[in-house]
């Protein structure tokens, strides 16, 4: 069974940095695109950043120049380096991975809370 486990969330002051990690485990044949989404209270879940297996990246306009997504294909892990954090970055952050496994499809992590104090 495939699982995605996130870590690295927490409380940080505005202007600070955090690094999120999301590790996939289980019987995995291949991982295609991986991404980070976030959901703030009362708002819809939105894409923050995504990365292909080849390393091509895509960012939401609101995080361009501040966040960096990367991945380690050997560790089946995706990272999100978040710099210059703003109060409006406060949300639960989820990772999503398109995984080829016994059951192929999109897998979500459980979410990790990021709180930025102003």
C-alpha atoms as a PDB file:
ATOM      1  CA  UNK A   1       0.000   0.000   0.000  1.00  0.00           C
ATOM      2  CA  UNK A   2       1.312   3.422  -0.956  1.00  0.00           C
ATOM      3  CA  UNK A   3       1.555   6.152   1.655  1.00  0.00           C
ATOM      4  CA  UNK A   4       2.707   9.761   1.552  1.00  0.00           C
ATOM      5  CA  UNK A   5       3.995  11.210   4.806  1.00  0.00           C
ATOM      6  CA  UNK A   6       4.634  14.922   5.168  1.00  0.00           C
ATOM      7  CA  UNK A   7       6.814  16.702   7.695  1.00  0.00           C
ATOM      8  CA  UNK A   8       8.338  20.094   8.359  1.00  0.00           C
ATOM      9  CA  UNK A   9       5.363  22.277   9.110  1.00  0.00           C
ATOM     10  CA  UNK A  10       5.177  24.558  12.116  1.00  0.00           C
ATOM     11  CA  UNK A  11       4.957  28.098  13.407  1.00  0.00           C
ATOM     12  CA  UNK A  12       7.250  30.757  11.979  1.00  0.00           C
ATOM     13  CA  UNK A  13       7.415  34.530  12.007  1.00  0.00           C
ATOM     14  CA  UNK A  14       6.784  36.501   8.858  1.00  0.00           C
ATOM     15  CA  UNK A  15       9.948  36.694   6.791  1.00  0.00           C
ATOM     16  CA  UNK A  16      11.146  33.335   8.049  1.00  0.00           C
ATOM     17  CA  UNK A  17      11.653  30.027   6.276  1.00  0.00           C
ATOM     18  CA  UNK A  18      10.412  26.454   6.497  1.00  0.00           C
ATOM     19  CA  UNK A  19      11.171  23.324   4.525  1.00  0.00           C
ATOM     20  CA  UNK A  20       8.472  20.739   3.949  1.00  0.00           C
ATOM     21  CA  UNK A  21       9.170  17.136   3.003  1.00  0.00           C
ATOM     22  CA  UNK A  22       6.878  14.461   1.636  1.00  0.00           C
ATOM     23  CA  UNK A  23       8.086  10.884   1.363  1.00  0.00           C
ATOM     24  CA  UNK A  24       6.278   8.178  -0.563  1.00  0.00           C
ATOM     25  CA  UNK A  25       6.575   4.585   0.596  1.00  0.00           C
ATOM     26  CA  UNK A  26       5.205   1.218  -0.434  1.00  0.00           C
ATOM     27  CA  UNK A  27       5.444  -0.881  -3.553  1.00  0.00           C
ATOM     28  CA  UNK A  28       6.046   1.891  -6.080  1.00  0.00           C
ATOM     29  CA  UNK A  29       6.969   1.313  -9.701  1.00  0.00           C
ATOM     30  CA  UNK A  30       7.305   4.925 -10.721  1.00  0.00           C
ATOM     31  CA  UNK A  31       6.342   8.416  -9.570  1.00  0.00           C
ATOM     32  CA  UNK A  32       5.360  10.919 -12.234  1.00  0.00           C
ATOM     33  CA  UNK A  33       4.409  14.464 -11.255  1.00  0.00           C
ATOM     34  CA  UNK A  34       4.597  15.548  -7.622  1.00  0.00           C
ATOM     35  CA  UNK A  35       3.189  18.706  -6.149  1.00  0.00           C
ATOM     36  CA  UNK A  36       2.283  20.763  -3.140  1.00  0.00           C
ATOM     37  CA  UNK A  37      -1.160  22.203  -2.501  1.00  0.00           C
ATOM     38  CA  UNK A  38      -2.471  24.282   0.346  1.00  0.00           C
ATOM     39  CA  UNK A  39      -5.811  25.050   1.900  1.00  0.00           C
ATOM     40  CA  UNK A  40      -6.449  28.010   4.150  1.00  0.00           C
ATOM     41  CA  UNK A  41      -9.532  28.200   6.388  1.00  0.00           C
ATOM     42  CA  UNK A  42     -12.618  28.976   4.355  1.00  0.00           C
ATOM     43  CA  UNK A  43     -10.784  28.716   1.047  1.00  0.00           C
ATOM     44  CA  UNK A  44     -10.453  26.119  -1.663  1.00  0.00           C
ATOM     45  CA  UNK A  45      -7.381  23.943  -1.963  1.00  0.00           C
ATOM     46  CA  UNK A  46      -4.945  25.513  -4.413  1.00  0.00           C
ATOM     47  CA  UNK A  47      -1.823  24.426  -6.244  1.00  0.00           C
ATOM     48  CA  UNK A  48       1.376  25.892  -4.815  1.00  0.00           C
ATOM     49  CA  UNK A  49       4.022  24.185  -6.928  1.00  0.00           C
ATOM     50  CA  UNK A  50       4.561  21.075  -8.990  1.00  0.00           C
ATOM     51  CA  UNK A  51       7.507  19.175 -10.430  1.00  0.00           C
ATOM     52  CA  UNK A  52       7.748  16.527 -13.116  1.00  0.00           C
ATOM     53  CA  UNK A  53       9.893  13.422 -12.902  1.00  0.00           C
ATOM     54  CA  UNK A  54      12.369  15.213 -15.141  1.00  0.00           C
ATOM     55  CA  UNK A  55      12.579  18.223 -12.857  1.00  0.00           C
ATOM     56  CA  UNK A  56      10.439  20.773 -14.673  1.00  0.00           C
ATOM     57  CA  UNK A  57       8.691  23.034 -12.205  1.00  0.00           C
ATOM     58  CA  UNK A  58       5.580  25.173 -12.045  1.00  0.00           C
ATOM     59  CA  UNK A  59       4.630  27.717  -9.376  1.00  0.00           C
ATOM     60  CA  UNK A  60       1.601  29.690  -8.356  1.00  0.00           C
ATOM     61  CA  UNK A  61       2.140  33.389  -8.975  1.00  0.00           C
ATOM     62  CA  UNK A  62       1.756  34.094  -5.260  1.00  0.00           C
ATOM     63  CA  UNK A  63       4.870  32.060  -4.366  1.00  0.00           C
ATOM     64  CA  UNK A  64       7.142  32.655  -7.351  1.00  0.00           C
ATOM     65  CA  UNK A  65      10.566  33.842  -6.247  1.00  0.00           C
ATOM     66  CA  UNK A  66       9.955  32.726  -2.648  1.00  0.00           C
ATOM     67  CA  UNK A  67       9.278  28.982  -2.774  1.00  0.00           C
ATOM     68  CA  UNK A  68      11.377  26.264  -4.375  1.00  0.00           C
ATOM     69  CA  UNK A  69      10.130  22.776  -5.123  1.00  0.00           C
ATOM     70  CA  UNK A  70      12.568  19.909  -5.598  1.00  0.00           C
ATOM     71  CA  UNK A  71      12.581  16.140  -5.490  1.00  0.00           C
ATOM     72  CA  UNK A  72      14.865  13.211  -4.827  1.00  0.00           C
ATOM     73  CA  UNK A  73      13.779  10.381  -7.106  1.00  0.00           C
ATOM     74  CA  UNK A  74      15.919   7.838  -5.256  1.00  0.00           C
ATOM     75  CA  UNK A  75      14.199   8.669  -1.984  1.00  0.00           C
ATOM     76  CA  UNK A  76      10.731   9.115  -3.552  1.00  0.00           C
ATOM     77  CA  UNK A  77      10.594  12.450  -1.760  1.00  0.00           C
ATOM     78  CA  UNK A  78       9.469  15.921  -2.738  1.00  0.00           C
ATOM     79  CA  UNK A  79      10.483  19.071  -0.881  1.00  0.00           C
ATOM     80  CA  UNK A  80       9.158  22.592  -0.636  1.00  0.00           C
ATOM     81  CA  UNK A  81      11.587  25.250   0.548  1.00  0.00           C
ATOM     82  CA  UNK A  82       9.537  28.247   1.663  1.00  0.00           C
ATOM     83  CA  UNK A  83      11.347  31.540   2.132  1.00  0.00           C
ATOM     84  CA  UNK A  84      10.173  35.063   2.945  1.00  0.00           C
ATOM     85  CA  UNK A  85       6.998  33.637   4.403  1.00  0.00           C
ATOM     86  CA  UNK A  86       3.958  35.867   4.664  1.00  0.00           C
ATOM     87  CA  UNK A  87       0.923  35.737   6.902  1.00  0.00           C
ATOM     88  CA  UNK A  88      -1.183  34.773   3.879  1.00  0.00           C
ATOM     89  CA  UNK A  89       0.920  31.618   3.423  1.00  0.00           C
ATOM     90  CA  UNK A  90      -0.759  30.207   6.527  1.00  0.00           C
ATOM     91  CA  UNK A  91      -2.549  27.009   5.522  1.00  0.00           C
ATOM     92  CA  UNK A  92      -2.507  23.254   5.683  1.00  0.00           C
ATOM     93  CA  UNK A  93      -0.061  22.044   3.048  1.00  0.00           C
ATOM     94  CA  UNK A  94      -0.669  18.766   1.238  1.00  0.00           C
ATOM     95  CA  UNK A  95       1.526  16.851  -1.148  1.00  0.00           C
ATOM     96  CA  UNK A  96       0.126  15.007  -4.139  1.00  0.00           C
ATOM     97  CA  UNK A  97       1.946  12.402  -6.193  1.00  0.00           C
ATOM     98  CA  UNK A  98       0.957  10.616  -9.373  1.00  0.00           C
ATOM     99  CA  UNK A  99       2.175   7.107  -8.604  1.00  0.00           C
ATOM    100  CA  UNK A 100       2.340   3.987 -10.714  1.00  0.00           C
ATOM    101  CA  UNK A 101       1.769   1.129  -8.274  1.00  0.00           C
ATOM    102  CA  UNK A 102      -0.666  -1.705  -7.625  1.00  0.00           C
ATOM    103  CA  UNK A 103      -3.323   0.986  -7.642  1.00  0.00           C
ATOM    104  CA  UNK A 104      -2.162   3.718  -9.992  1.00  0.00           C
ATOM    105  CA  UNK A 105      -3.298   7.270  -9.532  1.00  0.00           C
ATOM    106  CA  UNK A 106      -3.018  10.369  -7.389  1.00  0.00           C
ATOM    107  CA  UNK A 107      -2.087   9.934  -3.757  1.00  0.00           C
ATOM    108  CA  UNK A 108      -2.437  12.650  -1.113  1.00  0.00           C
ATOM    109  CA  UNK A 109      -0.491  13.167   2.053  1.00  0.00           C
ATOM    110  CA  UNK A 110      -2.231  13.803   5.352  1.00  0.00           C
ATOM    111  CA  UNK A 111      -1.347  17.487   5.426  1.00  0.00           C
ATOM    112  CA  UNK A 112       0.955  19.578   7.576  1.00  0.00           C
ATOM    113  CA  UNK A 113       0.055  22.893   9.192  1.00  0.00           C
ATOM    114  CA  UNK A 114       2.086  25.985   8.379  1.00  0.00           C
ATOM    115  CA  UNK A 115       1.328  29.037  10.491  1.00  0.00           C
ATOM    116  CA  UNK A 116       2.994  32.368   9.805  1.00  0.00           C
ATOM    117  CA  UNK A 117       2.679  34.996  12.507  1.00  0.00           C
ATOM    118  CA  UNK A 118       2.632  38.615  11.468  1.00  0.00           C
END
